[in-house]
């Protein structure tokens, strides 16, 4: 940081400190103070300002803009969310919030400013979920501003976001799931594909699976971490992160076909490990890149697109396999609570809401079951009823 002092008037001085460049706008960041008195007073003020900047207590609430505040908030929130989540936050801040209200003084920010962002994004044709997410990110940032006592209330709380639209899920049928497994057979992604189809694990959970989490004798798999690549980094910068929620940390049953395949896979992996010797990277991952290193999650998504296309399912995404697994559980008669636990959902209500199309079918089956019970009564009489009045 660099500081300077210049005379502003007969008895005033302008103190300026340069703080480099704004990570959001790219503009040079400067902090100014006006000091009345002697040059010695200005020098003391400069020393104080440099110390405040160094300790992070230099926020001038009267001059602080939304862009400058968000530039301070982003590094704070980066330490509290996952890399991919932070990447989304940064994208929304830089792409939608700062261009529209970045120059507004934080102390003068009102709900009308937030509503303007929402309305402009909606008018530009952005998906309601994207608009809602932007509103939530800004609301989160402004809640922190309230905690830091920079503003008294959160202007985002009074703004009205659009209602979320229910996404049209592309759910692979059981024959299509089988086709995906067959299309991957014999290739490097055969085992991850089989595991995805037979467990419904998320991409990061699947590639973050380690042998210590797999009990082949009990046919159980424990989800204890998720593999993610840091935004903007190379494929080598992979991180094992804890599950987002307590319910995401779970155990699921592995079907016999997966258990048998994992036994063969572990034996083949052990042979490769002996062959490579010291070149083997011992990360204990179940699905490795050939030398013990973890597989890049984005590489799996890219490979999946090629495999799905070869199976005639070009519009199917990797995450849709999870939807197919969930639907198969519910249609197969698995209780929604058990299915929700296997999927690591936040609640049973979320599972039922996400797969409401399946629930409707289950309601029809329940109606048919009641009809069968009633049909077994004689002469149309319910059990326990009589003809006498």
Protein backbone atom coordinates (compact mmCIF):
# COMPACT_ATOMS: atom_id res chain seq x y z
CA UNK A 1 0.00 0.00 0.00
CA UNK A 2 1.11 3.53 -0.78
CA UNK A 3 0.01 6.71 0.98
CA UNK A 4 0.27 10.37 0.13
CA UNK A 5 -0.64 13.75 1.58
CA UNK A 6 -1.52 16.91 -0.33
CA UNK A 7 -2.82 20.27 0.73
CA UNK A 8 -6.54 20.69 0.25
CA UNK A 9 -7.04 24.20 1.61
CA UNK A 10 -5.61 26.73 3.99
CA UNK A 11 -6.06 24.49 7.04
CA UNK A 12 -6.96 21.11 5.42
CA UNK A 13 -5.08 18.20 3.94
CA UNK A 14 -6.11 15.33 1.67
CA UNK A 15 -4.83 11.91 2.77
CA UNK A 16 -4.90 9.18 0.11
CA UNK A 17 -3.96 5.49 0.26
CA UNK A 18 -3.83 3.27 -2.82
CA UNK A 19 -5.01 -0.31 -2.22
CA UNK A 20 -4.26 -1.80 -5.62
CA UNK A 21 -7.04 -2.83 -7.99
CA UNK A 22 -10.64 -3.86 -7.34
CA UNK A 23 -11.00 -7.59 -8.02
CA UNK A 24 -14.54 -7.06 -9.33
CA UNK A 25 -14.34 -3.90 -11.47
CA UNK A 26 -10.61 -3.87 -12.19
CA UNK A 27 -10.41 -0.19 -11.22
CA UNK A 28 -7.77 1.20 -8.88
CA UNK A 29 -8.93 1.32 -5.28
CA UNK A 30 -8.23 4.47 -3.31
CA UNK A 31 -9.16 5.50 0.21
CA UNK A 32 -9.41 9.23 1.01
CA UNK A 33 -9.57 11.21 4.22
CA UNK A 34 -9.82 14.96 4.73
CA UNK A 35 -7.86 16.22 7.75
CA UNK A 36 -8.17 19.70 9.21
CA UNK A 37 -5.12 21.01 11.04
CA UNK A 38 -1.40 20.89 10.49
CA UNK A 39 0.63 18.65 8.21
CA UNK A 40 1.68 16.71 11.31
CA UNK A 41 -2.02 15.99 11.97
CA UNK A 42 -2.32 14.72 8.39
CA UNK A 43 0.72 12.48 8.82
CA UNK A 44 -0.78 10.97 11.98
CA UNK A 45 -4.07 10.45 10.12
CA UNK A 46 -2.20 8.71 7.29
CA UNK A 47 -0.46 6.39 9.75
CA UNK A 48 -3.81 5.60 11.40
CA UNK A 49 -5.49 4.94 8.05
CA UNK A 50 -2.71 2.58 6.95
CA UNK A 51 -3.11 0.68 10.23
CA UNK A 52 -6.90 0.50 9.81
CA UNK A 53 -6.54 -0.85 6.28
CA UNK A 54 -4.02 -3.41 7.48
CA UNK A 55 -6.44 -4.62 10.18
CA UNK A 56 -9.55 -4.39 8.00
CA UNK A 57 -11.29 -1.66 10.02
CA UNK A 58 -11.10 1.11 7.43
CA UNK A 59 -14.66 0.91 6.10
CA UNK A 60 -16.05 4.39 5.61
CA UNK A 61 -19.79 3.82 5.64
CA UNK A 62 -20.56 7.19 4.09
CA UNK A 63 -18.37 6.62 1.03
CA UNK A 64 -18.53 2.84 0.76
CA UNK A 65 -20.14 1.72 -2.50
CA UNK A 66 -21.88 -1.59 -3.09
CA UNK A 67 -19.01 -2.66 -5.37
CA UNK A 68 -16.39 -1.83 -2.74
CA UNK A 69 -18.37 -3.64 -0.05
CA UNK A 70 -18.83 -6.76 -2.19
CA UNK A 71 -15.12 -6.70 -2.94
CA UNK A 72 -14.60 -6.98 0.82
CA UNK A 73 -17.39 -9.54 1.31
CA UNK A 74 -16.28 -12.03 -1.35
CA UNK A 75 -12.95 -12.94 0.34
CA UNK A 76 -14.89 -13.31 3.60
CA UNK A 77 -17.47 -15.68 2.15
CA UNK A 78 -14.81 -17.61 0.20
CA UNK A 79 -13.57 -19.12 3.46
CA UNK A 80 -17.07 -20.38 4.29
CA UNK A 81 -18.37 -22.02 1.11
CA UNK A 82 -17.17 -24.64 -1.35
CA UNK A 83 -15.02 -23.64 -4.32
CA UNK A 84 -17.78 -24.21 -6.87
CA UNK A 85 -20.26 -22.27 -4.73
CA UNK A 86 -17.85 -19.36 -4.47
CA UNK A 87 -17.36 -19.44 -8.24
CA UNK A 88 -21.12 -19.05 -8.71
CA UNK A 89 -21.28 -16.26 -6.14
CA UNK A 90 -18.44 -14.39 -7.88
CA UNK A 91 -20.06 -14.81 -11.28
CA UNK A 92 -23.37 -13.38 -10.10
CA UNK A 93 -21.68 -10.48 -8.31
CA UNK A 94 -19.51 -9.55 -11.29
CA UNK A 95 -22.01 -10.35 -14.01
CA UNK A 96 -25.27 -8.99 -12.61
CA UNK A 97 -25.02 -7.10 -9.31
CA UNK A 98 -22.01 -4.78 -9.71
CA UNK A 99 -22.81 -3.69 -13.30
CA UNK A 100 -26.26 -2.54 -12.15
CA UNK A 101 -25.82 -1.12 -8.64
CA UNK A 102 -22.07 -1.23 -7.97
CA UNK A 103 -21.80 2.56 -7.89
CA UNK A 104 -24.62 3.03 -5.37
CA UNK A 105 -23.50 4.00 -1.86
CA UNK A 106 -24.15 1.05 0.45
CA UNK A 107 -25.79 3.36 3.00
CA UNK A 108 -28.25 4.54 0.33
CA UNK A 109 -29.11 1.12 -1.07
CA UNK A 110 -32.84 0.46 -1.03
CA UNK A 111 -35.16 -2.41 -1.87
CA UNK A 112 -35.98 -0.65 -5.15
CA UNK A 113 -32.35 -1.10 -6.28
CA UNK A 114 -32.52 -4.83 -5.55
CA UNK A 115 -35.89 -5.10 -7.26
CA UNK A 116 -34.40 -3.39 -10.32
CA UNK A 117 -31.78 -6.16 -10.60
CA UNK A 118 -34.47 -8.82 -10.35
CA UNK A 119 -36.72 -7.16 -12.92
CA UNK A 120 -33.92 -6.48 -15.39
CA UNK A 121 -32.62 -10.06 -15.19
CA UNK A 122 -36.16 -11.39 -15.71
CA UNK A 123 -36.74 -9.05 -18.65
CA UNK A 124 -33.47 -10.24 -20.20
CA UNK A 125 -34.89 -13.76 -20.29
CA UNK A 126 -32.75 -15.34 -17.57
CA UNK A 127 -34.17 -18.45 -15.95
CA UNK A 128 -36.17 -17.79 -12.76
CA UNK A 129 -33.78 -19.98 -10.76
CA UNK A 130 -30.84 -17.83 -11.85
CA UNK A 131 -32.69 -14.67 -10.82
CA UNK A 132 -33.64 -16.24 -7.48
CA UNK A 133 -30.07 -17.32 -6.87
CA UNK A 134 -28.80 -13.79 -7.58
CA UNK A 135 -31.34 -12.38 -5.14
CA UNK A 136 -30.26 -14.87 -2.49
CA UNK A 137 -26.56 -14.12 -2.93
CA UNK A 138 -27.13 -10.38 -2.64
CA UNK A 139 -29.36 -10.97 0.36
CA UNK A 140 -26.66 -13.05 2.01
CA UNK A 141 -24.07 -10.36 1.38
CA UNK A 142 -26.31 -7.65 2.80
CA UNK A 143 -27.14 -9.72 5.88
CA UNK A 144 -23.42 -9.74 6.58
CA UNK A 145 -23.36 -5.96 6.14
CA UNK A 146 -26.03 -5.74 8.85
CA UNK A 147 -23.94 -7.97 11.13
CA UNK A 148 -20.92 -5.73 10.50
CA UNK A 149 -23.13 -2.75 11.44
CA UNK A 150 -22.60 -1.07 8.06
CA UNK A 151 -26.35 -0.83 7.39
CA UNK A 152 -29.34 -1.09 9.71
CA UNK A 153 -31.59 -3.33 7.60
CA UNK A 154 -31.27 -5.68 4.65
CA UNK A 155 -32.81 -4.07 1.51
CA UNK A 156 -32.98 -7.43 -0.27
CA UNK A 157 -35.51 -8.72 2.27
CA UNK A 158 -38.24 -6.44 0.85
CA UNK A 159 -37.56 -7.24 -2.82
CA UNK A 160 -39.73 -9.84 -4.53
CA UNK A 161 -38.07 -12.58 -6.54
CA UNK A 162 -39.92 -14.65 -9.15
CA UNK A 163 -41.42 -17.96 -8.22
CA UNK A 164 -39.17 -20.90 -9.04
CA UNK A 165 -40.30 -22.97 -12.00
CA UNK A 166 -40.33 -26.71 -11.67
CA UNK A 167 -37.57 -28.12 -13.88
CA UNK A 168 -38.42 -30.74 -16.47
CA UNK A 169 -36.35 -33.68 -15.32
CA UNK A 170 -34.88 -35.92 -18.00
CA UNK A 171 -35.13 -39.25 -16.23
CA UNK A 172 -33.50 -42.29 -17.85
CA UNK A 173 -35.62 -45.41 -17.80
CA UNK A 174 -34.19 -48.69 -16.45
CA UNK A 175 -33.44 -49.95 -20.00
CA UNK A 176 -31.65 -46.65 -20.73
CA UNK A 177 -29.57 -46.99 -17.57
CA UNK A 178 -28.57 -50.46 -18.73
CA UNK A 179 -27.69 -49.05 -22.15
CA UNK A 180 -25.36 -46.52 -20.50
CA UNK A 181 -23.56 -49.25 -18.58
CA UNK A 182 -23.17 -51.33 -21.73
CA UNK A 183 -21.88 -48.34 -23.72
CA UNK A 184 -19.17 -47.74 -21.10
CA UNK A 185 -18.17 -51.41 -20.84
CA UNK A 186 -14.54 -52.13 -21.62
CA UNK A 187 -13.48 -48.50 -21.30
CA UNK A 188 -11.84 -46.51 -18.51
CA UNK A 189 -15.20 -45.23 -17.28
CA UNK A 190 -16.91 -48.60 -16.98
CA UNK A 191 -16.66 -48.82 -13.19
CA UNK A 192 -17.64 -45.22 -12.39
CA UNK A 193 -20.63 -45.60 -14.72
CA UNK A 194 -21.77 -48.82 -13.10
CA UNK A 195 -21.38 -47.28 -9.65
CA UNK A 196 -23.31 -44.16 -10.66
CA UNK A 197 -26.22 -46.20 -12.03
CA UNK A 198 -26.38 -48.57 -9.06
CA UNK A 199 -25.90 -46.09 -6.19
CA UNK A 200 -27.23 -42.72 -7.36
CA UNK A 201 -24.21 -40.96 -5.88
CA UNK A 202 -23.47 -37.41 -6.93
CA UNK A 203 -20.47 -36.93 -9.22
CA UNK A 204 -18.20 -35.59 -6.49
CA UNK A 205 -19.32 -38.24 -4.01
CA UNK A 206 -18.62 -41.00 -6.51
CA UNK A 207 -15.12 -39.85 -7.46
CA UNK A 208 -14.34 -38.94 -3.85
CA UNK A 209 -15.08 -42.49 -2.74
CA UNK A 210 -12.15 -44.18 -1.00
CA UNK A 211 -11.60 -47.81 -0.16
CA UNK A 212 -11.82 -47.15 3.55
CA UNK A 213 -15.44 -46.14 2.92
CA UNK A 214 -16.31 -49.40 1.17
CA UNK A 215 -17.24 -52.58 3.07
CA UNK A 216 -17.59 -55.27 0.43
CA UNK A 217 -18.40 -58.00 2.97
CA UNK A 218 -21.34 -56.03 4.31
CA UNK A 219 -22.16 -54.60 0.86
CA UNK A 220 -22.20 -51.08 2.30
CA UNK A 221 -20.76 -47.80 1.00
CA UNK A 222 -20.20 -44.83 3.29
CA UNK A 223 -20.32 -41.32 1.82
CA UNK A 224 -17.84 -39.26 3.83
CA UNK A 225 -16.34 -36.85 1.30
CA UNK A 226 -16.82 -35.22 -2.08
CA UNK A 227 -14.15 -34.55 -4.70
CA UNK A 228 -14.10 -31.11 -6.30
CA UNK A 229 -11.68 -29.19 -8.47
CA UNK A 230 -10.88 -25.65 -7.39
CA UNK A 231 -12.26 -23.08 -9.87
CA UNK A 232 -9.74 -21.88 -12.42
CA UNK A 233 -7.18 -24.46 -11.37
CA UNK A 234 -5.71 -27.41 -13.22
CA UNK A 235 -6.89 -30.97 -12.98
CA UNK A 236 -4.24 -31.64 -10.35
CA UNK A 237 -5.81 -29.25 -7.83
CA UNK A 238 -8.49 -31.61 -6.55
CA UNK A 239 -9.87 -31.42 -3.05
CA UNK A 240 -11.66 -33.89 -0.80
CA UNK A 241 -14.37 -31.89 0.97
CA UNK A 242 -16.73 -32.87 3.74
CA UNK A 243 -20.38 -33.40 2.78
CA UNK A 244 -22.43 -30.22 2.72
CA UNK A 245 -24.99 -31.39 5.26
CA UNK A 246 -25.23 -34.09 7.95
CA UNK A 247 -27.78 -35.98 5.81
CA UNK A 248 -25.33 -36.06 2.91
CA UNK A 249 -22.98 -38.05 5.15
CA UNK A 250 -24.65 -41.43 4.88
CA UNK A 251 -24.40 -45.17 4.23
CA UNK A 252 -26.05 -46.90 1.31
CA UNK A 253 -26.44 -50.54 0.34
CA UNK A 254 -24.47 -51.73 -2.70
CA UNK A 255 -26.25 -54.22 -4.98
CA UNK A 256 -24.51 -57.59 -5.57
CA UNK A 257 -23.61 -56.72 -9.18
CA UNK A 258 -21.66 -53.69 -7.97
CA UNK A 259 -20.02 -55.59 -5.09
CA UNK A 260 -18.75 -58.30 -7.46
CA UNK A 261 -17.47 -55.70 -9.92
CA UNK A 262 -15.71 -53.79 -7.12
CA UNK A 263 -13.93 -56.94 -5.99
CA UNK A 264 -12.55 -57.46 -9.49
CA UNK A 265 -11.72 -53.78 -9.77
CA UNK A 266 -9.79 -53.77 -6.50
CA UNK A 267 -7.74 -56.77 -7.60
CA UNK A 268 -6.89 -55.09 -10.93
CA UNK A 269 -6.00 -51.88 -9.13
CA UNK A 270 -3.67 -53.78 -6.76
CA UNK A 271 -1.89 -55.29 -9.75
CA UNK A 272 -1.39 -51.85 -11.27
CA UNK A 273 -0.07 -50.57 -7.99
CA UNK A 274 2.58 -53.30 -7.84
CA UNK A 275 3.55 -52.66 -11.44
CA UNK A 276 4.02 -48.90 -10.94
CA UNK A 277 5.83 -49.15 -7.62
CA UNK A 278 6.93 -45.73 -6.36
CA UNK A 279 5.14 -43.98 -9.23
CA UNK A 280 1.81 -44.96 -7.65
CA UNK A 281 -0.02 -42.06 -5.98
CA UNK A 282 -1.61 -43.57 -2.89
CA UNK A 283 -4.80 -41.57 -2.34
CA UNK A 284 -6.91 -44.66 -1.54
CA UNK A 285 -9.47 -43.64 -4.18
CA UNK A 286 -11.71 -46.37 -5.54
CA UNK A 287 -11.75 -44.94 -9.05
CA UNK A 288 -8.29 -43.72 -10.05
CA UNK A 289 -6.66 -42.28 -13.16
CA UNK A 290 -4.47 -45.34 -13.67
CA UNK A 291 -1.69 -44.36 -11.27
CA UNK A 292 -3.64 -43.87 -8.05
CA UNK A 293 -4.51 -40.22 -8.69
CA UNK A 294 -8.10 -39.08 -8.37
CA UNK A 295 -10.14 -38.60 -11.52
CA UNK A 296 -11.09 -35.08 -12.54
CA UNK A 297 -14.88 -34.67 -12.09
CA UNK A 298 -15.13 -32.57 -15.26
CA UNK A 299 -13.42 -35.36 -17.20
CA UNK A 300 -16.16 -37.74 -16.07
CA UNK A 301 -18.85 -35.33 -17.28
CA UNK A 302 -17.14 -34.98 -20.66
CA UNK A 303 -16.72 -38.74 -20.98
CA UNK A 304 -20.35 -39.27 -20.00
CA UNK A 305 -21.55 -37.09 -22.86
CA UNK A 306 -19.63 -39.24 -25.33
CA UNK A 307 -20.90 -42.46 -23.76
CA UNK A 308 -24.50 -41.23 -23.68
CA UNK A 309 -24.29 -40.21 -27.34
CA UNK A 310 -23.01 -43.65 -28.31
CA UNK A 311 -25.94 -45.18 -26.41
CA UNK A 312 -28.40 -42.99 -28.31
CA UNK A 313 -29.06 -40.83 -25.23
CA UNK A 314 -27.36 -37.63 -26.31
CA UNK A 315 -29.63 -35.37 -24.26
CA UNK A 316 -29.04 -37.24 -21.00
CA UNK A 317 -26.75 -35.60 -18.44
CA UNK A 318 -24.62 -37.32 -15.84
CA UNK A 319 -26.81 -35.96 -13.04
CA UNK A 320 -29.87 -37.44 -14.76
CA UNK A 321 -28.53 -40.88 -13.84
CA UNK A 322 -29.16 -39.94 -10.23
CA UNK A 323 -32.74 -39.06 -11.12
CA UNK A 324 -33.09 -42.43 -12.81
CA UNK A 325 -31.80 -44.19 -9.69
CA UNK A 326 -34.23 -42.27 -7.44
CA UNK A 327 -37.18 -43.00 -9.69
CA UNK A 328 -36.30 -46.70 -9.82
CA UNK A 329 -36.28 -46.82 -6.00
CA UNK A 330 -39.68 -45.18 -5.65
CA UNK A 331 -41.33 -47.13 -8.46
CA UNK A 332 -39.85 -50.30 -6.99
CA UNK A 333 -41.72 -49.73 -3.76
CA UNK A 334 -38.89 -48.39 -1.61
CA UNK A 335 -40.31 -46.19 1.14
CA UNK A 336 -39.74 -42.48 0.37
CA UNK A 337 -37.91 -41.99 3.68
CA UNK A 338 -35.43 -44.75 2.81
CA UNK A 339 -35.02 -43.38 -0.71
CA UNK A 340 -34.43 -39.89 0.68
CA UNK A 341 -31.74 -41.19 3.03
CA UNK A 342 -30.03 -43.10 0.23
CA UNK A 343 -30.00 -39.97 -1.94
CA UNK A 344 -28.71 -37.76 0.88
CA UNK A 345 -31.56 -35.29 0.48
CA UNK A 346 -32.19 -32.62 3.09
CA UNK A 347 -35.66 -33.98 3.84
CA UNK A 348 -38.26 -36.48 2.73
CA UNK A 349 -40.42 -33.55 1.65
CA UNK A 350 -37.71 -32.46 -0.80
CA UNK A 351 -37.57 -35.98 -2.27
CA UNK A 352 -41.34 -36.16 -2.70
CA UNK A 353 -41.48 -32.69 -4.22
CA UNK A 354 -38.63 -33.40 -6.66
CA UNK A 355 -40.14 -36.67 -7.83
CA UNK A 356 -43.80 -35.70 -7.62
CA UNK A 357 -44.43 -37.39 -10.97
CA UNK A 358 -43.53 -40.70 -9.33
CA UNK A 359 -45.61 -39.91 -6.25
CA UNK A 360 -48.67 -39.47 -8.45
CA UNK A 361 -48.13 -42.97 -9.80
CA UNK A 362 -47.71 -44.31 -6.27
CA UNK A 363 -51.01 -42.73 -5.28
CA UNK A 364 -52.70 -44.56 -8.13
CA UNK A 365 -51.15 -47.82 -6.92
CA UNK A 366 -52.42 -47.09 -3.40
CA UNK A 367 -55.90 -46.55 -4.80
CA UNK A 368 -55.68 -49.85 -6.68
CA UNK A 369 -54.58 -51.62 -3.50
CA UNK A 370 -57.57 -50.25 -1.56
CA UNK A 371 -59.85 -51.32 -4.41
CA UNK A 372 -58.47 -54.86 -4.20
CA UNK A 373 -59.13 -54.93 -0.44
CA UNK A 374 -62.65 -53.66 -0.88
CA UNK A 375 -63.24 -56.04 -3.76
CA UNK A 376 -62.51 -58.99 -1.50
CA UNK A 377 -65.49 -58.19 0.76
CA UNK A 378 -68.63 -60.18 0.16
CA UNK A 379 -71.77 -58.62 -1.23
CA UNK A 380 -70.09 -55.27 -1.25
CA UNK A 381 -70.09 -55.15 2.57
CA UNK A 382 -67.07 -53.80 4.44
CA UNK A 383 -65.57 -55.95 7.17
CA UNK A 384 -67.36 -55.39 10.47
CA UNK A 385 -70.59 -54.15 8.92
CA UNK A 386 -73.90 -55.91 9.09
CA UNK A 387 -77.30 -55.82 7.43
CA UNK A 388 -79.24 -55.23 10.65
CA UNK A 389 -80.36 -51.71 11.46
